[in-house]
C-alpha atoms as a PDB file:
ATOM      1  CA  MET A   1      78.968 175.714-125.507  1.00  0.00           C
ATOM      2  CA  LYS A   2      79.570 173.984-122.554  1.00  0.00           C
ATOM      3  CA  PHE A   3      77.716 176.441-120.276  1.00  0.00           C
ATOM      4  CA  ARG A   4      74.373 176.104-122.550  1.00  0.00           C
ATOM      5  CA  PHE A   5      75.028 171.821-122.531  1.00  0.00           C
ATOM      6  CA  GLN A   6      74.797 172.853-119.393  1.00  0.00           C
ATOM      7  CA  SER A   7      72.057 175.316-117.997  1.00  0.00           C
ATOM      8  CA  ARG A   8      69.810 172.454-120.616  1.00  0.00           C
ATOM      9  CA  PHE A   9      70.906 169.665-118.595  1.00  0.00           C
ATOM     10  CA  VAL A  10      69.511 171.819-115.654  1.00  0.00           C
ATOM     11  CA  GLN A  11      66.546 172.987-116.826  1.00  0.00           C
ATOM     12  CA  GLY A  12      65.313 169.167-118.286  1.00  0.00           C
ATOM     13  CA  LEU A  13      66.150 167.745-114.787  1.00  0.00           C
ATOM     14  CA  LEU A  14      64.203 170.120-113.336  1.00  0.00           C
ATOM     15  CA  CYS A  15      61.427 169.444-115.464  1.00  0.00           C
ATOM     16  CA  VAL A  16      61.758 165.826-114.768  1.00  0.00           C
ATOM     17  CA  MET A  17      61.506 166.708-110.995  1.00  0.00           C
ATOM     18  CA  VAL A  18      58.628 168.942-111.146  1.00  0.00           C
ATOM     19  CA  SER A  19      56.536 166.661-112.821  1.00  0.00           C
ATOM     20  CA  LEU A  20      57.709 163.415-110.573  1.00  0.00           C
ATOM     21  CA  ALA A  21      56.697 165.618-107.619  1.00  0.00           C
ATOM     22  CA  ALA A  22      52.979 166.397-109.264  1.00  0.00           C
ATOM     23  CA  THR A  23      52.719 163.165-110.007  1.00  0.00           C
ATOM     24  CA  THR A  24      53.415 161.743-106.745  1.00  0.00           C
ATOM     25  CA  ALA A  25      50.619 164.280-105.176  1.00  0.00           C
ATOM     26  CA  PHE A  26      48.267 163.300-107.547  1.00  0.00           C
ATOM     27  CA  ALA A  27      48.431 159.771-106.790  1.00  0.00           C
ATOM     28  CA  ALA A  28      48.289 160.811-103.006  1.00  0.00           C
ATOM     29  CA  GLU A  29      45.496 162.491-103.373  1.00  0.00           C
ATOM     30  CA  SER A  30      43.764 159.906-105.597  1.00  0.00           C
ATOM     31  CA  LYS A  31      44.845 157.721-103.095  1.00  0.00           C
ATOM     32  CA  ALA A  32      42.893 159.662-100.278  1.00  0.00           C
ATOM     33  CA  GLN A  33      40.065 160.541-102.225  1.00  0.00           C
ATOM     34  CA  LYS A  34      39.281 156.942-103.126  1.00  0.00           C
ATOM     35  CA  ALA A  35      39.709 155.932 -99.284  1.00  0.00           C
ATOM     36  CA  PHE A  36      37.152 159.101 -98.241  1.00  0.00           C
ATOM     37  CA  LEU A  37      34.444 157.565-100.706  1.00  0.00           C
ATOM     38  CA  GLU A  38      35.099 153.876 -99.644  1.00  0.00           C
ATOM     39  CA  ARG A  39      34.000 155.787 -96.314  1.00  0.00           C
ATOM     40  CA  VAL A  40      31.420 157.528 -97.146  1.00  0.00           C
ATOM     41  CA  LYS A  41      30.158 154.135 -99.510  1.00  0.00           C
ATOM     42  CA  SER A  42      30.274 152.063 -96.407  1.00  0.00           C
ATOM     43  CA  VAL A  43      27.366 154.077 -94.554  1.00  0.00           C
ATOM     44  CA  SER A  44      24.282 151.623 -94.831  1.00  0.00           C
ATOM     45  CA  THR A  45      22.135 154.516 -96.539  1.00  0.00           C
ATOM     46  CA  ILE A  46      24.441 155.065 -99.347  1.00  0.00           C
ATOM     47  CA  ASP A  47      24.742 153.062-102.547  1.00  0.00           C
ATOM     48  CA  ASP A  48      27.142 155.058-104.278  1.00  0.00           C
ATOM     49  CA  ALA A  49      29.577 157.894-104.090  1.00  0.00           C
ATOM     50  CA  HIS A  50      31.787 159.576-106.917  1.00  0.00           C
ATOM     51  CA  ILE A  51      33.912 162.631-107.050  1.00  0.00           C
ATOM     52  CA  THR A  52      33.017 164.486-110.419  1.00  0.00           C
ATOM     53  CA  ASP A  53      33.458 168.290-111.437  1.00  0.00           C
ATOM     54  CA  GLY A  54      33.896 169.537-108.048  1.00  0.00           C
ATOM     55  CA  ALA A  55      30.597 167.743-107.388  1.00  0.00           C
ATOM     56  CA  LEU A  56      30.346 164.921-104.805  1.00  0.00           C
ATOM     57  CA  VAL A  57      27.864 162.811-106.019  1.00  0.00           C
ATOM     58  CA  ILE A  58      25.545 160.608-103.814  1.00  0.00           C
ATOM     59  CA  TRP A  59      23.514 157.284-104.440  1.00  0.00           C
ATOM     60  CA  PRO A  60      21.645 156.610-102.030  1.00  0.00           C
ATOM     61  CA  SER A  61      20.086 153.060-101.642  1.00  0.00           C
ATOM     62  CA  PRO A  62      16.412 152.836-103.136  1.00  0.00           C
ATOM     63  CA  ASP A  63      14.636 151.401 -99.936  1.00  0.00           C
ATOM     64  CA  VAL A  64      15.780 154.646 -97.840  1.00  0.00           C
ATOM     65  CA  GLN A  65      15.899 157.660-100.027  1.00  0.00           C
ATOM     66  CA  SER A  66      12.518 158.586 -99.488  1.00  0.00           C
ATOM     67  CA  GLY A  67      13.378 159.074 -95.459  1.00  0.00           C
ATOM     68  CA  LEU A  68      16.964 160.635 -95.388  1.00  0.00           C
ATOM     69  CA  ASP A  69      18.161 164.105 -94.215  1.00  0.00           C
ATOM     70  CA  TYR A  70      19.559 165.467 -96.853  1.00  0.00           C
ATOM     71  CA  GLU A  71      20.251 168.392 -95.223  1.00  0.00           C
ATOM     72  CA  SER A  72      22.094 166.696 -92.244  1.00  0.00           C
ATOM     73  CA  MET A  73      23.488 164.603 -94.518  1.00  0.00           C
ATOM     74  CA  GLY A  74      24.814 167.280 -96.453  1.00  0.00           C
ATOM     75  CA  ALA A  75      26.279 169.351 -93.847  1.00  0.00           C
ATOM     76  CA  GLN A  76      28.279 166.444 -92.188  1.00  0.00           C
ATOM     77  CA  LEU A  77      29.750 165.383 -95.623  1.00  0.00           C
ATOM     78  CA  CYS A  78      30.648 168.732 -96.379  1.00  0.00           C
ATOM     79  CA  LEU A  79      32.842 169.031 -93.200  1.00  0.00           C
ATOM     80  CA  GLU A  80      35.943 167.677 -95.483  1.00  0.00           C
ATOM     81  CA  TYR A  81      34.746 169.502 -98.710  1.00  0.00           C
ATOM     82  CA  LYS A  82      38.284 171.111 -98.600  1.00  0.00           C
ATOM     83  CA  VAL A  83      40.101 168.454 -98.487  1.00  0.00           C
ATOM     84  CA  TYR A  84      38.989 166.498-101.340  1.00  0.00           C
ATOM     85  CA  LYS A  85      38.456 169.018-103.612  1.00  0.00           C
ATOM     86  CA  TYR A  86      34.446 169.313-104.079  1.00  0.00           C
ATOM     87  CA  LEU A  87      32.138 171.877-103.719  1.00  0.00           C
ATOM     88  CA  VAL A  88      28.553 170.166-103.704  1.00  0.00           C
ATOM     89  CA  VAL A  89      27.542 167.200-102.326  1.00  0.00           C
ATOM     90  CA  TRP A  90      24.661 166.129-104.983  1.00  0.00           C
ATOM     91  CA  PHE A  91      21.995 163.007-103.701  1.00  0.00           C
ATOM     92  CA  MET A  92      20.801 161.641-107.005  1.00  0.00           C
ATOM     93  CA  ASP A  93      17.790 159.304-107.046  1.00  0.00           C
ATOM     94  CA  SER A  94      18.734 155.794-107.076  1.00  0.00           C
ATOM     95  CA  SER A  95      15.165 154.039-107.443  1.00  0.00           C
ATOM     96  CA  LYS A  96      14.436 156.389-110.617  1.00  0.00           C
ATOM     97  CA  TYR A  97      17.819 155.447-112.478  1.00  0.00           C
ATOM     98  CA  ARG A  98      17.587 151.480-111.729  1.00  0.00           C
ATOM     99  CA  ARG A  99      13.878 151.647-112.755  1.00  0.00           C
ATOM    100  CA  ASP A 100      14.400 154.048-115.926  1.00  0.00           C
ATOM    101  CA  LYS A 101      17.976 154.512-116.792  1.00  0.00           C
ATOM    102  CA  GLU A 102      17.216 158.281-115.676  1.00  0.00           C
ATOM    103  CA  MET A 103      19.625 160.642-113.390  1.00  0.00           C
ATOM    104  CA  VAL A 104      17.443 162.592-111.852  1.00  0.00           C
ATOM    105  CA  MET A 105      18.305 164.489-108.464  1.00  0.00           C
ATOM    106  CA  LEU A 106      17.206 164.885-105.346  1.00  0.00           C
ATOM    107  CA  GLN A 107      18.809 167.854-103.374  1.00  0.00           C
ATOM    108  CA  SER A 108      21.471 169.515-103.471  1.00  0.00           C
ATOM    109  CA  TYR A 109      23.934 170.828-100.602  1.00  0.00           C
ATOM    110  CA  VAL A 110      26.123 173.991-101.388  1.00  0.00           C
ATOM    111  CA  CYS A 111      29.581 173.112 -99.237  1.00  0.00           C
ATOM    112  CA  LEU A 112      30.724 176.449 -99.526  1.00  0.00           C
ATOM    113  CA  GLU A 113      31.181 179.030 -96.481  1.00  0.00           C
ATOM    114  CA  ASP A 114      29.059 182.076 -96.276  1.00  0.00           C
ATOM    115  CA  ALA A 115      30.672 185.167 -96.781  1.00  0.00           C
END
């Protein structure tokens, strides 16, 4: 009987430790992602940025979005796709969204390396 109690206690303790480790890792990852997104948003040509469902969603500044080099920006943003866990960069039309509240993609850039 004593052995079964100890076994359950140890199992419970291990579950709590694994849960705490996972929570701590998630918090650290979230903090790093948040810092990365703040750096991206600090670029004068970008109004907003989010990571959602494996995509880095970029909202360029409306006044400059028509003249941006999306290939170059996508390549630059994809340098850290493995670290922050996104596979594609989506550039969204900020002007259209502000005007019509309609979400339209201007261009996408796939970050996966060629096989």
